[in-house]
């Protein structure tokens, strides 16, 4: 098998067939039955944190860009949103076919459109939420992608992009790609500098409200759980201030937020996750 000759579907199928990669498969929600995987996502901490972030917008009219298998579309639909899934891949495993099957099996109405984020086939001001999970770093034209997201949002609508790969400098990109589980098979991964994301979002006409660092939210650090994060924090504080004081500090929401911010500032790992929340002016 030569490098970078497989389709995305074939690459995911390869991953699913590796006995030592089953935890990765499950963490990426590539496991079957698809409905079970989608339900697990909808009950998971990542989605619960995102839903809390979007409290003022849910339920609403949602465009899920680069929807993949439809796990996020399912979660939005289950939360009462009207959902359009944008997914160019027709695959019944990781694309539009999978989303249609998920919608049919779950009974949740999800409209599927096969198109790319750089050219959205919707009128101006259509959606309350434009959302993408790990999709901006796949954009062929990042500024155009963000401008299209802005165009189809209503005034006051929100653009949220989660789990985007970030590198500190261009030279780090190759290290990230070499460590990626599937890039060597299909060659479709990428990562941008943090300021490339933020500039593209702002220049599209958005007001950037949050750029969430890799350890500031379970949205980014899942599948590490909130409990796992608390355990890391407890271990560090126990060593520095003792168990009794550490336990009190862990109970403070402010201290936990500052600790996550500190870890995020310290992180320089190529491909680390950032998430972005922006509002259309």
C-alpha atoms as a PDB file:
ATOM      1  CA  UNK A   1       0.000   0.000   0.000  1.00  0.00           C
ATOM      2  CA  UNK A   2       1.642   3.273  -1.133  1.00  0.00           C
ATOM      3  CA  UNK A   3       1.304   6.505   0.797  1.00  0.00           C
ATOM      4  CA  UNK A   4      -1.516   8.979   0.116  1.00  0.00           C
ATOM      5  CA  UNK A   5      -3.392   6.900  -2.439  1.00  0.00           C
ATOM      6  CA  UNK A   6      -6.549   6.135  -0.478  1.00  0.00           C
ATOM      7  CA  UNK A   7      -9.798   8.051  -0.279  1.00  0.00           C
ATOM      8  CA  UNK A   8     -10.991   9.443   3.036  1.00  0.00           C
ATOM      9  CA  UNK A   9     -13.520   6.614   3.295  1.00  0.00           C
ATOM     10  CA  UNK A  10     -10.865   3.973   2.589  1.00  0.00           C
ATOM     11  CA  UNK A  11      -8.537   5.565   5.150  1.00  0.00           C
ATOM     12  CA  UNK A  12     -11.172   5.448   7.880  1.00  0.00           C
ATOM     13  CA  UNK A  13     -12.047   1.873   6.910  1.00  0.00           C
ATOM     14  CA  UNK A  14      -8.355   0.964   7.220  1.00  0.00           C
ATOM     15  CA  UNK A  15      -8.245   2.551  10.678  1.00  0.00           C
ATOM     16  CA  UNK A  16     -11.339   0.649  11.789  1.00  0.00           C
ATOM     17  CA  UNK A  17      -9.676  -2.630  10.783  1.00  0.00           C
ATOM     18  CA  UNK A  18      -6.565  -2.091  12.938  1.00  0.00           C
ATOM     19  CA  UNK A  19      -6.921  -3.990  16.243  1.00  0.00           C
ATOM     20  CA  UNK A  20      -4.572  -1.581  18.038  1.00  0.00           C
ATOM     21  CA  UNK A  21      -6.493   1.516  16.865  1.00  0.00           C
ATOM     22  CA  UNK A  22      -9.932   0.768  18.282  1.00  0.00           C
ATOM     23  CA  UNK A  23      -9.686   3.401  21.008  1.00  0.00           C
ATOM     24  CA  UNK A  24      -8.838   5.999  18.344  1.00  0.00           C
ATOM     25  CA  UNK A  25     -11.797   4.797  16.261  1.00  0.00           C
ATOM     26  CA  UNK A  26     -14.141   5.200  19.199  1.00  0.00           C
ATOM     27  CA  UNK A  27     -12.722   8.577  20.220  1.00  0.00           C
ATOM     28  CA  UNK A  28     -13.248   9.820  16.660  1.00  0.00           C
ATOM     29  CA  UNK A  29     -16.811   8.414  16.562  1.00  0.00           C
ATOM     30  CA  UNK A  30     -15.985   6.205  13.575  1.00  0.00           C
ATOM     31  CA  UNK A  31     -17.439   3.140  15.273  1.00  0.00           C
ATOM     32  CA  UNK A  32     -20.725   1.425  14.420  1.00  0.00           C
ATOM     33  CA  UNK A  33     -23.624   1.382  14.926  1.00  0.00           C
ATOM     34  CA  UNK A  34     -23.539   5.028  13.845  1.00  0.00           C
ATOM     35  CA  UNK A  35     -26.636   5.882  15.872  1.00  0.00           C
ATOM     36  CA  UNK A  36     -24.906   4.649  19.034  1.00  0.00           C
ATOM     37  CA  UNK A  37     -21.816   6.737  18.227  1.00  0.00           C
ATOM     38  CA  UNK A  38     -23.959   9.834  17.617  1.00  0.00           C
ATOM     39  CA  UNK A  39     -25.888   9.282  20.824  1.00  0.00           C
ATOM     40  CA  UNK A  40     -22.618   8.891  22.745  1.00  0.00           C
ATOM     41  CA  UNK A  41     -21.423  12.227  21.333  1.00  0.00           C
ATOM     42  CA  UNK A  42     -24.696  13.934  22.246  1.00  0.00           C
ATOM     43  CA  UNK A  43     -24.316  12.768  25.851  1.00  0.00           C
ATOM     44  CA  UNK A  44     -20.595  13.518  26.040  1.00  0.00           C
ATOM     45  CA  UNK A  45     -18.821  16.372  27.784  1.00  0.00           C
ATOM     46  CA  UNK A  46     -17.634  17.996  24.564  1.00  0.00           C
ATOM     47  CA  UNK A  47     -21.180  18.494  23.285  1.00  0.00           C
ATOM     48  CA  UNK A  48     -22.522  19.512  26.699  1.00  0.00           C
ATOM     49  CA  UNK A  49     -19.845  22.219  26.953  1.00  0.00           C
ATOM     50  CA  UNK A  50     -20.592  23.420  23.427  1.00  0.00           C
ATOM     51  CA  UNK A  51     -24.328  23.480  24.085  1.00  0.00           C
ATOM     52  CA  UNK A  52     -23.705  25.570  27.209  1.00  0.00           C
ATOM     53  CA  UNK A  53     -21.603  27.968  25.117  1.00  0.00           C
ATOM     54  CA  UNK A  54     -24.499  28.318  22.654  1.00  0.00           C
ATOM     55  CA  UNK A  55     -27.307  28.562  25.213  1.00  0.00           C
ATOM     56  CA  UNK A  56     -28.639  31.806  23.713  1.00  0.00           C
ATOM     57  CA  UNK A  57     -28.831  30.299  20.202  1.00  0.00           C
ATOM     58  CA  UNK A  58     -30.271  26.818  20.790  1.00  0.00           C
ATOM     59  CA  UNK A  59     -32.741  25.927  19.440  1.00  0.00           C
ATOM     60  CA  UNK A  60     -32.152  27.732  16.157  1.00  0.00           C
ATOM     61  CA  UNK A  61     -31.462  27.233  12.458  1.00  0.00           C
ATOM     62  CA  UNK A  62     -28.048  25.539  12.190  1.00  0.00           C
ATOM     63  CA  UNK A  63     -25.633  24.961   9.331  1.00  0.00           C
ATOM     64  CA  UNK A  64     -23.203  22.163  10.200  1.00  0.00           C
ATOM     65  CA  UNK A  65     -20.303  22.567   7.742  1.00  0.00           C
ATOM     66  CA  UNK A  66     -18.150  19.535   6.985  1.00  0.00           C
ATOM     67  CA  UNK A  67     -20.594  17.396   8.920  1.00  0.00           C
ATOM     68  CA  UNK A  68     -18.852  14.085   8.231  1.00  0.00           C
ATOM     69  CA  UNK A  69     -20.897  11.213   9.677  1.00  0.00           C
ATOM     70  CA  UNK A  70     -23.391  13.674  11.170  1.00  0.00           C
ATOM     71  CA  UNK A  71     -22.729  13.256  14.885  1.00  0.00           C
ATOM     72  CA  UNK A  72     -22.910  16.998  15.561  1.00  0.00           C
ATOM     73  CA  UNK A  73     -25.923  17.413  13.275  1.00  0.00           C
ATOM     74  CA  UNK A  74     -27.633  14.694  15.277  1.00  0.00           C
ATOM     75  CA  UNK A  75     -26.836  16.478  18.558  1.00  0.00           C
ATOM     76  CA  UNK A  76     -28.153  19.814  17.279  1.00  0.00           C
ATOM     77  CA  UNK A  77     -31.316  18.172  15.916  1.00  0.00           C
ATOM     78  CA  UNK A  78     -31.864  16.316  19.187  1.00  0.00           C
ATOM     79  CA  UNK A  79     -31.584  19.690  20.979  1.00  0.00           C
ATOM     80  CA  UNK A  80     -34.497  20.982  18.891  1.00  0.00           C
ATOM     81  CA  UNK A  81     -32.583  22.830  16.182  1.00  0.00           C
ATOM     82  CA  UNK A  82     -33.449  22.928  12.494  1.00  0.00           C
ATOM     83  CA  UNK A  83     -30.322  21.442  10.922  1.00  0.00           C
ATOM     84  CA  UNK A  84     -28.699  21.554   7.505  1.00  0.00           C
ATOM     85  CA  UNK A  85     -25.631  19.297   7.146  1.00  0.00           C
ATOM     86  CA  UNK A  86     -23.117  20.420   4.535  1.00  0.00           C
ATOM     87  CA  UNK A  87     -20.927  17.488   3.502  1.00  0.00           C
ATOM     88  CA  UNK A  88     -19.345  17.150   0.035  1.00  0.00           C
ATOM     89  CA  UNK A  89     -18.351  13.493   0.463  1.00  0.00           C
ATOM     90  CA  UNK A  90     -21.096  11.092  -0.638  1.00  0.00           C
ATOM     91  CA  UNK A  91     -19.765   8.184   1.466  1.00  0.00           C
ATOM     92  CA  UNK A  92     -22.180   6.000   3.391  1.00  0.00           C
ATOM     93  CA  UNK A  93     -19.448   5.530   6.026  1.00  0.00           C
ATOM     94  CA  UNK A  94     -18.086   9.039   6.600  1.00  0.00           C
ATOM     95  CA  UNK A  95     -20.176  11.346   4.419  1.00  0.00           C
ATOM     96  CA  UNK A  96     -23.593  12.418   3.194  1.00  0.00           C
ATOM     97  CA  UNK A  97     -24.858   8.853   2.877  1.00  0.00           C
ATOM     98  CA  UNK A  98     -24.075   8.226   6.533  1.00  0.00           C
ATOM     99  CA  UNK A  99     -25.917  11.388   7.602  1.00  0.00           C
ATOM    100  CA  UNK A 100     -29.015  10.436   5.601  1.00  0.00           C
ATOM    101  CA  UNK A 101     -29.009   6.987   7.196  1.00  0.00           C
ATOM    102  CA  UNK A 102     -28.568   8.508  10.654  1.00  0.00           C
ATOM    103  CA  UNK A 103     -31.463  10.897  10.071  1.00  0.00           C
ATOM    104  CA  UNK A 104     -33.703   8.090   8.843  1.00  0.00           C
ATOM    105  CA  UNK A 105     -32.837   5.700  11.660  1.00  0.00           C
ATOM    106  CA  UNK A 106     -33.135   8.312  14.408  1.00  0.00           C
ATOM    107  CA  UNK A 107     -36.236   9.983  13.017  1.00  0.00           C
ATOM    108  CA  UNK A 108     -34.557  13.384  13.386  1.00  0.00           C
ATOM    109  CA  UNK A 109     -35.014  15.729  10.400  1.00  0.00           C
ATOM    110  CA  UNK A 110     -31.573  16.618   9.015  1.00  0.00           C
ATOM    111  CA  UNK A 111     -31.306  18.187   5.563  1.00  0.00           C
ATOM    112  CA  UNK A 112     -28.167  17.077   3.710  1.00  0.00           C
ATOM    113  CA  UNK A 113     -26.449  19.276   1.107  1.00  0.00           C
ATOM    114  CA  UNK A 114     -23.348  18.109  -0.774  1.00  0.00           C
ATOM    115  CA  UNK A 115     -21.229  21.212  -1.245  1.00  0.00           C
ATOM    116  CA  UNK A 116     -18.055  22.910   0.047  1.00  0.00           C
ATOM    117  CA  UNK A 117     -17.718  25.628   2.668  1.00  0.00           C
ATOM    118  CA  UNK A 118     -16.030  28.092   0.315  1.00  0.00           C
ATOM    119  CA  UNK A 119     -19.182  28.331  -1.829  1.00  0.00           C
ATOM    120  CA  UNK A 120     -22.361  27.927   0.200  1.00  0.00           C
ATOM    121  CA  UNK A 121     -25.602  27.461  -1.773  1.00  0.00           C
ATOM    122  CA  UNK A 122     -27.762  29.460   0.650  1.00  0.00           C
ATOM    123  CA  UNK A 123     -29.195  32.997   0.651  1.00  0.00           C
ATOM    124  CA  UNK A 124     -27.685  35.726   2.810  1.00  0.00           C
ATOM    125  CA  UNK A 125     -28.806  35.741   6.443  1.00  0.00           C
ATOM    126  CA  UNK A 126     -30.246  32.210   6.521  1.00  0.00           C
ATOM    127  CA  UNK A 127     -28.858  30.714   9.743  1.00  0.00           C
ATOM    128  CA  UNK A 128     -28.666  31.483  13.460  1.00  0.00           C
ATOM    129  CA  UNK A 129     -25.606  29.246  13.907  1.00  0.00           C
ATOM    130  CA  UNK A 130     -22.871  28.242  11.482  1.00  0.00           C
ATOM    131  CA  UNK A 131     -20.851  25.469  13.068  1.00  0.00           C
ATOM    132  CA  UNK A 132     -17.888  23.346  12.068  1.00  0.00           C
ATOM    133  CA  UNK A 133     -16.169  20.632  14.059  1.00  0.00           C
ATOM    134  CA  UNK A 134     -12.546  20.224  12.949  1.00  0.00           C
ATOM    135  CA  UNK A 135     -13.309  21.674   9.518  1.00  0.00           C
ATOM    136  CA  UNK A 136     -11.558  25.062   9.193  1.00  0.00           C
ATOM    137  CA  UNK A 137      -8.136  23.456   9.028  1.00  0.00           C
ATOM    138  CA  UNK A 138      -9.310  21.558   5.935  1.00  0.00           C
ATOM    139  CA  UNK A 139     -10.324  24.769   4.129  1.00  0.00           C
ATOM    140  CA  UNK A 140      -8.679  25.242   0.752  1.00  0.00           C
ATOM    141  CA  UNK A 141      -9.297  29.001   1.052  1.00  0.00           C
ATOM    142  CA  UNK A 142      -9.613  29.956   4.719  1.00  0.00           C
ATOM    143  CA  UNK A 143     -10.603  33.631   4.167  1.00  0.00           C
ATOM    144  CA  UNK A 144     -13.265  32.652   1.601  1.00  0.00           C
ATOM    145  CA  UNK A 145     -14.612  29.973   3.942  1.00  0.00           C
ATOM    146  CA  UNK A 146     -15.029  32.477   6.783  1.00  0.00           C
ATOM    147  CA  UNK A 147     -16.594  35.107   4.506  1.00  0.00           C
ATOM    148  CA  UNK A 148     -19.177  32.592   3.294  1.00  0.00           C
ATOM    149  CA  UNK A 149     -19.959  31.622   6.897  1.00  0.00           C
ATOM    150  CA  UNK A 150     -20.510  35.295   7.669  1.00  0.00           C
ATOM    151  CA  UNK A 151     -22.689  35.850   4.601  1.00  0.00           C
ATOM    152  CA  UNK A 152     -25.200  33.103   5.389  1.00  0.00           C
ATOM    153  CA  UNK A 153     -25.547  34.078   9.061  1.00  0.00           C
ATOM    154  CA  UNK A 154     -28.254  36.389  10.333  1.00  0.00           C
ATOM    155  CA  UNK A 155     -27.136  39.632  11.981  1.00  0.00           C
ATOM    156  CA  UNK A 156     -26.298  38.673  15.545  1.00  0.00           C
ATOM    157  CA  UNK A 157     -25.842  35.050  14.544  1.00  0.00           C
ATOM    158  CA  UNK A 158     -22.912  33.012  15.796  1.00  0.00           C
ATOM    159  CA  UNK A 159     -20.061  31.238  14.049  1.00  0.00           C
ATOM    160  CA  UNK A 160     -18.411  28.506  16.077  1.00  0.00           C
ATOM    161  CA  UNK A 161     -15.520  26.374  14.895  1.00  0.00           C
ATOM    162  CA  UNK A 162     -14.169  23.727  17.255  1.00  0.00           C
ATOM    163  CA  UNK A 163     -11.094  21.522  17.540  1.00  0.00           C
ATOM    164  CA  UNK A 164      -9.014  23.295  14.897  1.00  0.00           C
ATOM    165  CA  UNK A 165      -5.374  22.250  14.547  1.00  0.00           C
ATOM    166  CA  UNK A 166      -2.850  24.985  15.343  1.00  0.00           C
ATOM    167  CA  UNK A 167       0.897  25.158  14.791  1.00  0.00           C
ATOM    168  CA  UNK A 168       3.213  27.784  16.273  1.00  0.00           C
ATOM    169  CA  UNK A 169       5.288  28.128  13.125  1.00  0.00           C
ATOM    170  CA  UNK A 170       5.101  26.768   9.600  1.00  0.00           C
ATOM    171  CA  UNK A 171       8.067  24.507  10.231  1.00  0.00           C
ATOM    172  CA  UNK A 172       5.983  22.571  12.777  1.00  0.00           C
ATOM    173  CA  UNK A 173       3.428  21.477  10.181  1.00  0.00           C
ATOM    174  CA  UNK A 174       5.436  18.518   8.937  1.00  0.00           C
ATOM    175  CA  UNK A 175       5.891  17.170  12.468  1.00  0.00           C
ATOM    176  CA  UNK A 176       2.127  17.330  13.010  1.00  0.00           C
ATOM    177  CA  UNK A 177       1.352  15.621   9.705  1.00  0.00           C
ATOM    178  CA  UNK A 178       3.857  12.837  10.360  1.00  0.00           C
ATOM    179  CA  UNK A 179       2.158  12.060  13.673  1.00  0.00           C
ATOM    180  CA  UNK A 180      -1.396  12.079  12.336  1.00  0.00           C
ATOM    181  CA  UNK A 181      -3.095   8.669  12.244  1.00  0.00           C
ATOM    182  CA  UNK A 182      -4.483   8.990   8.700  1.00  0.00           C
ATOM    183  CA  UNK A 183      -2.576  11.706   6.843  1.00  0.00           C
ATOM    184  CA  UNK A 184      -0.039   9.232   5.467  1.00  0.00           C
ATOM    185  CA  UNK A 185      -2.919   7.384   3.776  1.00  0.00           C
ATOM    186  CA  UNK A 186      -4.941  10.136   2.151  1.00  0.00           C
ATOM    187  CA  UNK A 187      -2.889  13.328   2.558  1.00  0.00           C
ATOM    188  CA  UNK A 188      -5.782  15.593   3.502  1.00  0.00           C
ATOM    189  CA  UNK A 189      -4.772  17.027   6.880  1.00  0.00           C
ATOM    190  CA  UNK A 190      -3.515  20.541   7.589  1.00  0.00           C
ATOM    191  CA  UNK A 191      -3.003  23.077  10.367  1.00  0.00           C
ATOM    192  CA  UNK A 192      -2.786  26.873  10.427  1.00  0.00           C
ATOM    193  CA  UNK A 193      -1.112  29.423  12.644  1.00  0.00           C
ATOM    194  CA  UNK A 194      -3.379  30.811  15.353  1.00  0.00           C
ATOM    195  CA  UNK A 195      -3.265  34.306  13.856  1.00  0.00           C
ATOM    196  CA  UNK A 196      -4.249  32.921  10.439  1.00  0.00           C
ATOM    197  CA  UNK A 197      -7.497  31.679  11.948  1.00  0.00           C
ATOM    198  CA  UNK A 198      -8.202  34.851  13.916  1.00  0.00           C
ATOM    199  CA  UNK A 199      -7.356  37.174  11.006  1.00  0.00           C
ATOM    200  CA  UNK A 200      -9.575  35.213   8.627  1.00  0.00           C
ATOM    201  CA  UNK A 201     -12.473  35.312  11.096  1.00  0.00           C
ATOM    202  CA  UNK A 202     -12.141  39.029  11.840  1.00  0.00           C
ATOM    203  CA  UNK A 203     -11.548  40.008   8.215  1.00  0.00           C
ATOM    204  CA  UNK A 204     -14.734  38.167   7.253  1.00  0.00           C
ATOM    205  CA  UNK A 205     -16.678  40.722   9.294  1.00  0.00           C
ATOM    206  CA  UNK A 206     -17.060  38.813  12.560  1.00  0.00           C
ATOM    207  CA  UNK A 207     -16.502  40.047  16.084  1.00  0.00           C
ATOM    208  CA  UNK A 208     -14.298  37.353  17.587  1.00  0.00           C
ATOM    209  CA  UNK A 209     -15.592  36.698  21.084  1.00  0.00           C
ATOM    210  CA  UNK A 210     -13.494  33.743  22.169  1.00  0.00           C
ATOM    211  CA  UNK A 211     -10.390  31.916  21.015  1.00  0.00           C
ATOM    212  CA  UNK A 212     -10.425  28.940  23.367  1.00  0.00           C
ATOM    213  CA  UNK A 213      -7.044  27.355  24.074  1.00  0.00           C
ATOM    214  CA  UNK A 214      -6.292  23.617  24.058  1.00  0.00           C
ATOM    215  CA  UNK A 215      -6.707  23.155  27.825  1.00  0.00           C
ATOM    216  CA  UNK A 216      -9.343  25.812  28.506  1.00  0.00           C
ATOM    217  CA  UNK A 217     -12.317  23.583  27.678  1.00  0.00           C
ATOM    218  CA  UNK A 218     -13.221  19.936  27.296  1.00  0.00           C
ATOM    219  CA  UNK A 219     -14.403  20.982  23.818  1.00  0.00           C
ATOM    220  CA  UNK A 220     -10.720  20.938  22.878  1.00  0.00           C
ATOM    221  CA  UNK A 221      -9.146  18.384  25.168  1.00  0.00           C
ATOM    222  CA  UNK A 222     -11.722  15.579  24.809  1.00  0.00           C
ATOM    223  CA  UNK A 223     -11.416  12.590  24.977  1.00  0.00           C
ATOM    224  CA  UNK A 224      -9.648  13.684  28.167  1.00  0.00           C
ATOM    225  CA  UNK A 225     -12.574  14.154  30.539  1.00  0.00           C
ATOM    226  CA  UNK A 226     -13.258  16.977  32.957  1.00  0.00           C
ATOM    227  CA  UNK A 227     -12.473  14.505  35.723  1.00  0.00           C
ATOM    228  CA  UNK A 228      -9.141  13.747  34.078  1.00  0.00           C
ATOM    229  CA  UNK A 229      -8.364  17.451  33.834  1.00  0.00           C
ATOM    230  CA  UNK A 230      -9.237  17.899  37.510  1.00  0.00           C
ATOM    231  CA  UNK A 231      -6.924  15.017  38.360  1.00  0.00           C
ATOM    232  CA  UNK A 232      -4.034  16.728  36.539  1.00  0.00           C
ATOM    233  CA  UNK A 233      -4.758  19.947  38.377  1.00  0.00           C
ATOM    234  CA  UNK A 234      -5.030  18.173  41.727  1.00  0.00           C
ATOM    235  CA  UNK A 235      -1.712  16.403  41.232  1.00  0.00           C
ATOM    236  CA  UNK A 236       0.068  19.665  40.425  1.00  0.00           C
ATOM    237  CA  UNK A 237      -1.474  21.636  43.274  1.00  0.00           C
ATOM    238  CA  UNK A 238      -0.968  18.856  45.829  1.00  0.00           C
ATOM    239  CA  UNK A 239       2.754  18.987  45.175  1.00  0.00           C
ATOM    240  CA  UNK A 240       2.882  22.770  45.531  1.00  0.00           C
ATOM    241  CA  UNK A 241       0.434  23.721  48.282  1.00  0.00           C
ATOM    242  CA  UNK A 242      -0.629  20.472  49.944  1.00  0.00           C
ATOM    243  CA  UNK A 243      -3.774  18.386  49.631  1.00  0.00           C
ATOM    244  CA  UNK A 244      -6.115  20.410  51.852  1.00  0.00           C
ATOM    245  CA  UNK A 245      -5.496  23.743  50.141  1.00  0.00           C
ATOM    246  CA  UNK A 246      -5.395  22.037  46.736  1.00  0.00           C
ATOM    247  CA  UNK A 247      -8.859  20.553  47.260  1.00  0.00           C
ATOM    248  CA  UNK A 248     -10.258  23.990  48.059  1.00  0.00           C
ATOM    249  CA  UNK A 249      -8.598  25.536  45.020  1.00  0.00           C
ATOM    250  CA  UNK A 250      -9.982  22.862  42.703  1.00  0.00           C
ATOM    251  CA  UNK A 251     -13.503  23.788  43.788  1.00  0.00           C
ATOM    252  CA  UNK A 252     -12.979  27.342  42.502  1.00  0.00           C
ATOM    253  CA  UNK A 253     -14.242  27.833  38.956  1.00  0.00           C
ATOM    254  CA  UNK A 254     -11.887  30.803  38.545  1.00  0.00           C
ATOM    255  CA  UNK A 255      -8.832  28.793  39.620  1.00  0.00           C
ATOM    256  CA  UNK A 256      -9.754  25.971  37.261  1.00  0.00           C
ATOM    257  CA  UNK A 257     -10.166  28.440  34.392  1.00  0.00           C
ATOM    258  CA  UNK A 258      -6.825  30.082  35.149  1.00  0.00           C
ATOM    259  CA  UNK A 259      -5.113  26.693  35.327  1.00  0.00           C
ATOM    260  CA  UNK A 260      -6.527  25.767  31.916  1.00  0.00           C
ATOM    261  CA  UNK A 261      -5.364  29.095  30.522  1.00  0.00           C
ATOM    262  CA  UNK A 262      -1.899  28.543  32.006  1.00  0.00           C
ATOM    263  CA  UNK A 263      -1.617  25.069  30.469  1.00  0.00           C
ATOM    264  CA  UNK A 264      -2.829  26.398  27.124  1.00  0.00           C
ATOM    265  CA  UNK A 265      -0.188  29.139  27.127  1.00  0.00           C
ATOM    266  CA  UNK A 266       2.470  26.561  27.937  1.00  0.00           C
ATOM    267  CA  UNK A 267       1.396  24.187  25.169  1.00  0.00           C
ATOM    268  CA  UNK A 268       3.396  24.284  21.959  1.00  0.00           C
ATOM    269  CA  UNK A 269       2.420  20.874  20.569  1.00  0.00           C
ATOM    270  CA  UNK A 270       2.035  20.921  16.780  1.00  0.00           C
ATOM    271  CA  UNK A 271      -1.629  20.357  15.890  1.00  0.00           C
ATOM    272  CA  UNK A 272      -3.049  21.289  19.311  1.00  0.00           C
ATOM    273  CA  UNK A 273      -6.728  22.194  19.320  1.00  0.00           C
ATOM    274  CA  UNK A 274      -8.241  25.664  19.438  1.00  0.00           C
ATOM    275  CA  UNK A 275     -11.915  26.613  19.143  1.00  0.00           C
ATOM    276  CA  UNK A 276     -13.387  29.918  18.022  1.00  0.00           C
ATOM    277  CA  UNK A 277     -16.640  31.703  18.810  1.00  0.00           C
ATOM    278  CA  UNK A 278     -17.549  34.771  16.754  1.00  0.00           C
ATOM    279  CA  UNK A 279     -20.662  36.893  16.195  1.00  0.00           C
ATOM    280  CA  UNK A 280     -21.869  38.507  12.997  1.00  0.00           C
ATOM    281  CA  UNK A 281     -21.953  42.255  13.504  1.00  0.00           C
END
